[in-house]
Amino acid sequence: MQEKAKQIVVDYFNARVDKTDKKKITVDDVYVVWFCKTLQNWKALLSTNVPDNMYYELTYNGDKHETYVDAYRKWENVRVADK
């Protein structure tokens, strides 16, 4: 499942990368940040070693045998201290 998720991110990235960047990635460039499986469904958060601040949320619907990809760009990381 995690290897499938990585390959989906590779395919997604390589299909959309700006051709002038001359950059293609492989599964070795993708890492899983978080993964959870419940019954026939799973969800994974992934990122790549490409410095583009993107991360990917993949949701697999086991009933329909479909995977949904949400691609996000990290906007900022803010520290919030406990009061």
PDB file of N, CA and C in Angstrom:
ATOM      1  N   MET A   1       0.818  -1.197   0.000  1.00  0.00           N
ATOM      2  CA  MET A   1       0.000   0.000   0.000  1.00  0.00           C
ATOM      3  C   MET A   1       0.860   1.259   0.000  1.00  0.00           C
ATOM      4  N   GLN A   2       1.885   1.289   0.846  1.00  0.00           N
ATOM      5  CA  GLN A   2       2.737   2.471   0.893  1.00  0.00           C
ATOM      6  C   GLN A   2       3.559   2.613  -0.383  1.00  0.00           C
ATOM      7  N   GLU A   3       3.989   1.497  -0.955  1.00  0.00           N
ATOM      8  CA  GLU A   3       4.714   1.565  -2.226  1.00  0.00           C
ATOM      9  C   GLU A   3       3.794   2.046  -3.343  1.00  0.00           C
ATOM     10  N   LYS A   4       2.532   1.605  -3.300  1.00  0.00           N
ATOM     11  CA  LYS A   4       1.556   2.081  -4.283  1.00  0.00           C
ATOM     12  C   LYS A   4       1.367   3.587  -4.133  1.00  0.00           C
ATOM     13  N   ALA A   5       1.266   4.056  -2.905  1.00  0.00           N
ATOM     14  CA  ALA A   5       1.101   5.491  -2.647  1.00  0.00           C
ATOM     15  C   ALA A   5       2.299   6.269  -3.175  1.00  0.00           C
ATOM     16  N   LYS A   6       3.503   5.769  -2.931  1.00  0.00           N
ATOM     17  CA  LYS A   6       4.702   6.435  -3.435  1.00  0.00           C
ATOM     18  C   LYS A   6       4.691   6.517  -4.956  1.00  0.00           C
ATOM     19  N   GLN A   7       4.309   5.433  -5.614  1.00  0.00           N
ATOM     20  CA  GLN A   7       4.289   5.419  -7.078  1.00  0.00           C
ATOM     21  C   GLN A   7       3.253   6.396  -7.620  1.00  0.00           C
ATOM     22  N   ILE A   8       2.131   6.522  -6.949  1.00  0.00           N
ATOM     23  CA  ILE A   8       1.108   7.480  -7.378  1.00  0.00           C
ATOM     24  C   ILE A   8       1.660   8.896  -7.303  1.00  0.00           C
ATOM     25  N   VAL A   9       2.393   9.215  -6.233  1.00  0.00           N
ATOM     26  CA  VAL A   9       3.001  10.545  -6.105  1.00  0.00           C
ATOM     27  C   VAL A   9       4.033  10.773  -7.206  1.00  0.00           C
ATOM     28  N   VAL A  10       4.845   9.766  -7.494  1.00  0.00           N
ATOM     29  CA  VAL A  10       5.831   9.867  -8.576  1.00  0.00           C
ATOM     30  C   VAL A  10       5.125  10.171  -9.895  1.00  0.00           C
ATOM     31  N   ASP A  11       4.099   9.410 -10.207  1.00  0.00           N
ATOM     32  CA  ASP A  11       3.372   9.609 -11.462  1.00  0.00           C
ATOM     33  C   ASP A  11       2.721  10.991 -11.514  1.00  0.00           C
ATOM     34  N   TYR A  12       2.130  11.401 -10.386  1.00  0.00           N
ATOM     35  CA  TYR A  12       1.481  12.717 -10.307  1.00  0.00           C
ATOM     36  C   TYR A  12       2.508  13.820 -10.543  1.00  0.00           C
ATOM     37  N   PHE A  13       3.623  13.766  -9.822  1.00  0.00           N
ATOM     38  CA  PHE A  13       4.661  14.792  -9.937  1.00  0.00           C
ATOM     39  C   PHE A  13       5.231  14.843 -11.349  1.00  0.00           C
ATOM     40  N   ASN A  14       5.636  13.696 -11.863  1.00  0.00           N
ATOM     41  CA  ASN A  14       6.289  13.656 -13.175  1.00  0.00           C
ATOM     42  C   ASN A  14       5.370  14.112 -14.304  1.00  0.00           C
ATOM     43  N   ALA A  15       4.076  13.924 -14.146  1.00  0.00           N
ATOM     44  CA  ALA A  15       3.127  14.361 -15.173  1.00  0.00           C
ATOM     45  C   ALA A  15       2.909  15.876 -15.142  1.00  0.00           C
ATOM     46  N   ARG A  16       3.230  16.513 -14.009  1.00  0.00           N
ATOM     47  CA  ARG A  16       2.916  17.929 -13.855  1.00  0.00           C
ATOM     48  C   ARG A  16       4.128  18.841 -13.716  1.00  0.00           C
ATOM     49  N   VAL A  17       5.301  18.281 -13.540  1.00  0.00           N
ATOM     50  CA  VAL A  17       6.489  19.109 -13.338  1.00  0.00           C
ATOM     51  C   VAL A  17       6.751  19.954 -14.576  1.00  0.00           C
ATOM     52  N   ASP A  18       7.218  21.163 -14.361  1.00  0.00           N
ATOM     53  CA  ASP A  18       7.556  22.061 -15.461  1.00  0.00           C
ATOM     54  C   ASP A  18       8.688  21.438 -16.278  1.00  0.00           C
ATOM     55  N   LYS A  19       8.468  21.280 -17.552  1.00  0.00           N
ATOM     56  CA  LYS A  19       9.453  20.617 -18.411  1.00  0.00           C
ATOM     57  C   LYS A  19      10.795  21.342 -18.429  1.00  0.00           C
ATOM     58  N   THR A  20      10.784  22.644 -18.173  1.00  0.00           N
ATOM     59  CA  THR A  20      12.042  23.382 -18.159  1.00  0.00           C
ATOM     60  C   THR A  20      12.888  23.054 -16.928  1.00  0.00           C
ATOM     61  N   ASP A  21      12.260  22.469 -15.902  1.00  0.00           N
ATOM     62  CA  ASP A  21      13.016  22.055 -14.714  1.00  0.00           C
ATOM     63  C   ASP A  21      13.882  20.830 -15.000  1.00  0.00           C
ATOM     64  N   LYS A  22      13.505  20.075 -16.033  1.00  0.00           N
ATOM     65  CA  LYS A  22      14.231  18.855 -16.395  1.00  0.00           C
ATOM     66  C   LYS A  22      14.432  17.953 -15.178  1.00  0.00           C
ATOM     67  N   LYS A  23      13.368  17.816 -14.375  1.00  0.00           N
ATOM     68  CA  LYS A  23      13.439  17.034 -13.145  1.00  0.00           C
ATOM     69  C   LYS A  23      12.349  15.974 -13.164  1.00  0.00           C
ATOM     70  N   LYS A  24      12.736  14.740 -12.990  1.00  0.00           N
ATOM     71  CA  LYS A  24      11.800  13.629 -12.792  1.00  0.00           C
ATOM     72  C   LYS A  24      12.208  12.954 -11.492  1.00  0.00           C
ATOM     73  N   ILE A  25      11.237  12.428 -10.769  1.00  0.00           N
ATOM     74  CA  ILE A  25      11.552  11.748  -9.519  1.00  0.00           C
ATOM     75  C   ILE A  25      11.244  10.261  -9.630  1.00  0.00           C
ATOM     76  N   THR A  26      11.775   9.507  -8.682  1.00  0.00           N
ATOM     77  CA  THR A  26      11.498   8.074  -8.565  1.00  0.00           C
ATOM     78  C   THR A  26      10.946   7.826  -7.172  1.00  0.00           C
ATOM     79  N   VAL A  27      10.553   6.600  -6.903  1.00  0.00           N
ATOM     80  CA  VAL A  27      10.018   6.273  -5.572  1.00  0.00           C
ATOM     81  C   VAL A  27      11.058   6.500  -4.481  1.00  0.00           C
ATOM     82  N   ASP A  28      12.331   6.499  -4.833  1.00  0.00           N
ATOM     83  CA  ASP A  28      13.380   6.770  -3.850  1.00  0.00           C
ATOM     84  C   ASP A  28      13.364   8.225  -3.384  1.00  0.00           C
ATOM     85  N   ASP A  29      12.702   9.095  -4.137  1.00  0.00           N
ATOM     86  CA  ASP A  29      12.606  10.511  -3.786  1.00  0.00           C
ATOM     87  C   ASP A  29      11.369  10.833  -2.950  1.00  0.00           C
ATOM     88  N   VAL A  30      10.529   9.836  -2.694  1.00  0.00           N
ATOM     89  CA  VAL A  30       9.260  10.030  -1.981  1.00  0.00           C
ATOM     90  C   VAL A  30       9.346   9.340  -0.624  1.00  0.00           C
ATOM     91  N   TYR A  31       8.806  10.004   0.394  1.00  0.00           N
ATOM     92  CA  TYR A  31       8.771   9.374   1.710  1.00  0.00           C
ATOM     93  C   TYR A  31       7.393   9.527   2.343  1.00  0.00           C
ATOM     94  N   VAL A  32       7.046   8.553   3.160  1.00  0.00           N
ATOM     95  CA  VAL A  32       5.758   8.527   3.847  1.00  0.00           C
ATOM     96  C   VAL A  32       5.916   9.258   5.173  1.00  0.00           C
ATOM     97  N   VAL A  33       5.088  10.260   5.388  1.00  0.00           N
ATOM     98  CA  VAL A  33       5.085  11.008   6.640  1.00  0.00           C
ATOM     99  C   VAL A  33       4.162  10.335   7.643  1.00  0.00           C
ATOM    100  N   TRP A  34       3.013   9.853   7.161  1.00  0.00           N
ATOM    101  CA  TRP A  34       2.011   9.239   8.030  1.00  0.00           C
ATOM    102  C   TRP A  34       1.185   8.278   7.182  1.00  0.00           C
ATOM    103  N   PHE A  35       0.774   7.175   7.797  1.00  0.00           N
ATOM    104  CA  PHE A  35      -0.035   6.179   7.089  1.00  0.00           C
ATOM    105  C   PHE A  35      -0.996   5.534   8.082  1.00  0.00           C
ATOM    106  N   CYS A  36      -2.233   5.315   7.648  1.00  0.00           N
ATOM    107  CA  CYS A  36      -3.226   4.649   8.493  1.00  0.00           C
ATOM    108  C   CYS A  36      -4.124   3.790   7.602  1.00  0.00           C
ATOM    109  N   LYS A  37      -4.396   2.582   8.062  1.00  0.00           N
ATOM    110  CA  LYS A  37      -5.300   1.677   7.340  1.00  0.00           C
ATOM    111  C   LYS A  37      -6.437   1.296   8.272  1.00  0.00           C
ATOM    112  N   THR A  38      -7.657   1.424   7.773  1.00  0.00           N
ATOM    113  CA  THR A  38      -8.841   1.022   8.519  1.00  0.00           C
ATOM    114  C   THR A  38      -9.721   0.200   7.586  1.00  0.00           C
ATOM    115  N   LEU A  39      -9.937  -1.065   7.977  1.00  0.00           N
ATOM    116  CA  LEU A  39     -10.690  -2.003   7.146  1.00  0.00           C
ATOM    117  C   LEU A  39     -10.086  -2.030   5.745  1.00  0.00           C
ATOM    118  N   GLN A  40     -10.880  -1.760   4.706  1.00  0.00           N
ATOM    119  CA  GLN A  40     -10.379  -1.836   3.337  1.00  0.00           C
ATOM    120  C   GLN A  40      -9.872  -0.486   2.826  1.00  0.00           C
ATOM    121  N   ASN A  41      -9.837   0.526   3.684  1.00  0.00           N
ATOM    122  CA  ASN A  41      -9.450   1.877   3.285  1.00  0.00           C
ATOM    123  C   ASN A  41      -8.097   2.246   3.895  1.00  0.00           C
ATOM    124  N   TRP A  42      -7.417   3.198   3.259  1.00  0.00           N
ATOM    125  CA  TRP A  42      -6.195   3.730   3.853  1.00  0.00           C
ATOM    126  C   TRP A  42      -6.000   5.176   3.454  1.00  0.00           C
ATOM    127  N   LYS A  43      -5.192   5.868   4.250  1.00  0.00           N
ATOM    128  CA  LYS A  43      -4.845   7.255   3.977  1.00  0.00           C
ATOM    129  C   LYS A  43      -3.362   7.403   4.250  1.00  0.00           C
ATOM    130  N   ALA A  44      -2.691   8.202   3.415  1.00  0.00           N
ATOM    131  CA  ALA A  44      -1.262   8.425   3.579  1.00  0.00           C
ATOM    132  C   ALA A  44      -0.938   9.884   3.301  1.00  0.00           C
ATOM    133  N   LEU A  45      -0.013  10.421   4.083  1.00  0.00           N
ATOM    134  CA  LEU A  45       0.555  11.740   3.831  1.00  0.00           C
ATOM    135  C   LEU A  45       1.986  11.518   3.385  1.00  0.00           C
ATOM    136  N   LEU A  46       2.343  12.069   2.240  1.00  0.00           N
ATOM    137  CA  LEU A  46       3.667  11.858   1.662  1.00  0.00           C
ATOM    138  C   LEU A  46       4.282  13.181   1.244  1.00  0.00           C
ATOM    139  N   SER A  47       5.597  13.169   1.108  1.00  0.00           N
ATOM    140  CA  SER A  47       6.316  14.313   0.577  1.00  0.00           C
ATOM    141  C   SER A  47       7.484  13.786  -0.242  1.00  0.00           C
ATOM    142  N   THR A  48       8.229  14.705  -0.838  1.00  0.00           N
ATOM    143  CA  THR A  48       9.375  14.327  -1.661  1.00  0.00           C
ATOM    144  C   THR A  48      10.594  15.122  -1.202  1.00  0.00           C
ATOM    145  N   ASN A  49      11.742  14.763  -1.729  1.00  0.00           N
ATOM    146  CA  ASN A  49      12.954  15.521  -1.415  1.00  0.00           C
ATOM    147  C   ASN A  49      13.143  16.713  -2.356  1.00  0.00           C
ATOM    148  N   VAL A  50      12.152  16.997  -3.189  1.00  0.00           N
ATOM    149  CA  VAL A  50      12.181  18.166  -4.071  1.00  0.00           C
ATOM    150  C   VAL A  50      11.865  19.402  -3.215  1.00  0.00           C
ATOM    151  N   PRO A  51      12.673  20.447  -3.275  1.00  0.00           N
ATOM    152  CA  PRO A  51      12.454  21.614  -2.413  1.00  0.00           C
ATOM    153  C   PRO A  51      11.345  22.537  -2.923  1.00  0.00           C
ATOM    154  N   ASP A  52      10.132  21.991  -3.094  1.00  0.00           N
ATOM    155  CA  ASP A  52       9.012  22.786  -3.601  1.00  0.00           C
ATOM    156  C   ASP A  52       7.911  22.987  -2.560  1.00  0.00           C
ATOM    157  N   ASN A  53       8.141  22.523  -1.322  1.00  0.00           N
ATOM    158  CA  ASN A  53       7.182  22.666  -0.213  1.00  0.00           C
ATOM    159  C   ASN A  53       5.841  21.991  -0.482  1.00  0.00           C
ATOM    160  N   MET A  54       5.825  20.966  -1.306  1.00  0.00           N
ATOM    161  CA  MET A  54       4.585  20.245  -1.591  1.00  0.00           C
ATOM    162  C   MET A  54       4.472  19.020  -0.694  1.00  0.00           C
ATOM    163  N   TYR A  55       3.242  18.703  -0.333  1.00  0.00           N
ATOM    164  CA  TYR A  55       2.979  17.405   0.258  1.00  0.00           C
ATOM    165  C   TYR A  55       1.679  16.869  -0.317  1.00  0.00           C
ATOM    166  N   TYR A  56       1.496  15.576  -0.180  1.00  0.00           N
ATOM    167  CA  TYR A  56       0.421  14.880  -0.876  1.00  0.00           C
ATOM    168  C   TYR A  56      -0.362  14.043   0.110  1.00  0.00           C
ATOM    169  N   GLU A  57      -1.672  14.143   0.031  1.00  0.00           N
ATOM    170  CA  GLU A  57      -2.569  13.335   0.851  1.00  0.00           C
ATOM    171  C   GLU A  57      -3.288  12.368  -0.086  1.00  0.00           C
ATOM    172  N   LEU A  58      -3.080  11.081   0.132  1.00  0.00           N
ATOM    173  CA  LEU A  58      -3.725  10.062  -0.683  1.00  0.00           C
ATOM    174  C   LEU A  58      -4.743   9.317   0.156  1.00  0.00           C
ATOM    175  N   THR A  59      -5.930   9.150  -0.374  1.00  0.00           N
ATOM    176  CA  THR A  59      -7.001   8.430   0.305  1.00  0.00           C
ATOM    177  C   THR A  59      -7.473   7.313  -0.610  1.00  0.00           C
ATOM    178  N   TYR A  60      -7.413   6.096  -0.106  1.00  0.00           N
ATOM    179  CA  TYR A  60      -7.845   4.938  -0.892  1.00  0.00           C
ATOM    180  C   TYR A  60      -9.212   4.486  -0.413  1.00  0.00           C
ATOM    181  N   ASN A  61     -10.171   4.419  -1.335  1.00  0.00           N
ATOM    182  CA  ASN A  61     -11.519   3.932  -1.051  1.00  0.00           C
ATOM    183  C   ASN A  61     -11.567   2.470  -1.496  1.00  0.00           C
ATOM    184  N   GLY A  62     -11.510   1.567  -0.540  1.00  0.00           N
ATOM    185  CA  GLY A  62     -11.485   0.143  -0.841  1.00  0.00           C
ATOM    186  C   GLY A  62     -12.773  -0.376  -1.430  1.00  0.00           C
ATOM    187  N   ASP A  63     -13.901   0.293  -1.168  1.00  0.00           N
ATOM    188  CA  ASP A  63     -15.173  -0.130  -1.749  1.00  0.00           C
ATOM    189  C   ASP A  63     -15.211   0.122  -3.257  1.00  0.00           C
ATOM    190  N   LYS A  64     -14.646   1.243  -3.679  1.00  0.00           N
ATOM    191  CA  LYS A  64     -14.659   1.614  -5.091  1.00  0.00           C
ATOM    192  C   LYS A  64     -13.338   1.312  -5.796  1.00  0.00           C
ATOM    193  N   HIS A  65     -12.324   0.882  -5.027  1.00  0.00           N
ATOM    194  CA  HIS A  65     -10.988   0.621  -5.573  1.00  0.00           C
ATOM    195  C   HIS A  65     -10.456   1.846  -6.314  1.00  0.00           C
ATOM    196  N   GLU A  66     -10.542   2.999  -5.619  1.00  0.00           N
ATOM    197  CA  GLU A  66     -10.084   4.269  -6.171  1.00  0.00           C
ATOM    198  C   GLU A  66      -9.184   4.969  -5.160  1.00  0.00           C
ATOM    199  N   THR A  67      -8.210   5.691  -5.684  1.00  0.00           N
ATOM    200  CA  THR A  67      -7.338   6.499  -4.842  1.00  0.00           C
ATOM    201  C   THR A  67      -7.513   7.953  -5.230  1.00  0.00           C
ATOM    202  N   TYR A  68      -7.651   8.809  -4.229  1.00  0.00           N
ATOM    203  CA  TYR A  68      -7.821  10.241  -4.441  1.00  0.00           C
ATOM    204  C   TYR A  68      -6.548  10.949  -3.989  1.00  0.00           C
ATOM    205  N   VAL A  69      -6.087  11.897  -4.781  1.00  0.00           N
ATOM    206  CA  VAL A  69      -4.857  12.629  -4.490  1.00  0.00           C
ATOM    207  C   VAL A  69      -5.198  14.092  -4.231  1.00  0.00           C
ATOM    208  N   ASP A  70      -4.779  14.591  -3.075  1.00  0.00           N
ATOM    209  CA  ASP A  70      -4.833  16.018  -2.770  1.00  0.00           C
ATOM    210  C   ASP A  70      -3.399  16.500  -2.669  1.00  0.00           C
ATOM    211  N   ALA A  71      -3.057  17.526  -3.422  1.00  0.00           N
ATOM    212  CA  ALA A  71      -1.704  18.079  -3.411  1.00  0.00           C
ATOM    213  C   ALA A  71      -1.758  19.446  -2.752  1.00  0.00           C
ATOM    214  N   TYR A  72      -0.871  19.649  -1.787  1.00  0.00           N
ATOM    215  CA  TYR A  72      -0.847  20.887  -1.013  1.00  0.00           C
ATOM    216  C   TYR A  72       0.544  21.493  -1.037  1.00  0.00           C
ATOM    217  N   ARG A  73       0.589  22.794  -0.924  1.00  0.00           N
ATOM    218  CA  ARG A  73       1.865  23.485  -0.761  1.00  0.00           C
ATOM    219  C   ARG A  73       1.905  24.019   0.670  1.00  0.00           C
ATOM    220  N   LYS A  74       2.984  23.716   1.354  1.00  0.00           N
ATOM    221  CA  LYS A  74       3.153  24.198   2.725  1.00  0.00           C
ATOM    222  C   LYS A  74       3.273  25.716   2.702  1.00  0.00           C
ATOM    223  N   TRP A  75       2.430  26.370   3.443  1.00  0.00           N
ATOM    224  CA  TRP A  75       2.420  27.817   3.464  1.00  0.00           C
ATOM    225  C   TRP A  75       3.381  28.361   4.517  1.00  0.00           C
ATOM    226  N   GLU A  76       3.259  27.859   5.743  1.00  0.00           N
ATOM    227  CA  GLU A  76       4.168  28.273   6.791  1.00  0.00           C
ATOM    228  C   GLU A  76       4.095  27.303   7.954  1.00  0.00           C
ATOM    229  N   ASN A  77       5.064  27.404   8.828  1.00  0.00           N
ATOM    230  CA  ASN A  77       5.124  26.596  10.023  1.00  0.00           C
ATOM    231  C   ASN A  77       5.269  27.561  11.187  1.00  0.00           C
ATOM    232  N   VAL A  78       4.246  27.631  12.043  1.00  0.00           N
ATOM    233  CA  VAL A  78       4.208  28.592  13.122  1.00  0.00           C
ATOM    234  C   VAL A  78       4.177  27.855  14.455  1.00  0.00           C
ATOM    235  N   ARG A  79       5.019  28.289  15.377  1.00  0.00           N
ATOM    236  CA  ARG A  79       5.043  27.701  16.717  1.00  0.00           C
ATOM    237  C   ARG A  79       3.956  28.346  17.547  1.00  0.00           C
ATOM    238  N   VAL A  80       3.164  27.533  18.243  1.00  0.00           N
ATOM    239  CA  VAL A  80       2.143  28.012  19.159  1.00  0.00           C
ATOM    240  C   VAL A  80       2.452  27.410  20.523  1.00  0.00           C
ATOM    241  N   ALA A  81       2.864  28.243  21.466  1.00  0.00           N
ATOM    242  CA  ALA A  81       3.235  27.776  22.804  1.00  0.00           C
ATOM    243  C   ALA A  81       1.989  27.529  23.644  1.00  0.00           C
ATOM    244  N   ASP A  82       2.064  26.549  24.547  1.00  0.00           N
ATOM    245  CA  ASP A  82       0.988  26.322  25.502  1.00  0.00           C
ATOM    246  C   ASP A  82       0.902  27.511  26.446  1.00  0.00           C
ATOM    247  N   LYS A  83      -0.297  27.768  26.913  1.00  0.00           N
ATOM    248  CA  LYS A  83      -0.485  28.898  27.850  1.00  0.00           C
ATOM    249  C   LYS A  83      -0.366  28.447  29.270  1.00  0.00           C
TER     250      LYS A  83
END
